[in-house]
Amino acid sequence: MFYHEFLMQGYHYVIAATDSGLSFVGSRDKGLAELQSFYPNVKLIDQVSQVQPYQKQIDEYLKGDRKQFTLKTDISGTDFQQKVWQALREIPYGKVRTYSEIAEAIDRPKAYRAVGTAIGKNPILMVVPCHRVLTKNHQLGGFRGGLAMKNDLLDLEKN
């Protein structure tokens, strides 16, 4: 797996990809350890040229110039996780959903806690927009990147 750390909008992000597509977008300023926790048994090769096309779109998003990603992804998960991640991709830019609404969208209305767990396993922040999911009371809830990052991404999308 290829990776590189980029400075974007004042924060460091680790981005990783395979030959097949984007595999990881880290939380801001979390470093290589976060990538290694997702892919503990994968050989990592620091190669900017392999991940720069993905970095370009993420940087455009963080600048407010991109509302939709048009890049290939290469992530794997359980069938349940894949359904949750697909439901997240269907949340429009600038909109939010609750954990319960995601559970209903995948025809598992009582599985909102499992939805939260699957969201926490999302390896490509922003591209699979897990920051757009709130609690039933429309509070921020959890987020791998931290609540400040989640709030900043939601504020970015309000403009």
Foldseek 3Di string as FASTA:
>chain_A
DEWEWDQAPNWIWIWDDDPQWTEAIGATPPPDVVVCVLVVPDDYDHDCVVCVVVVVQVNCVLVLNDQADDIGYDYDDDPVLVLLLVLLQPAGQLAAEELQVSCVVSVNNVCSVVSVVSLQSDRYDPNSPSLRYAHPVRHRPDDNNGSVVSVSSSVSSND
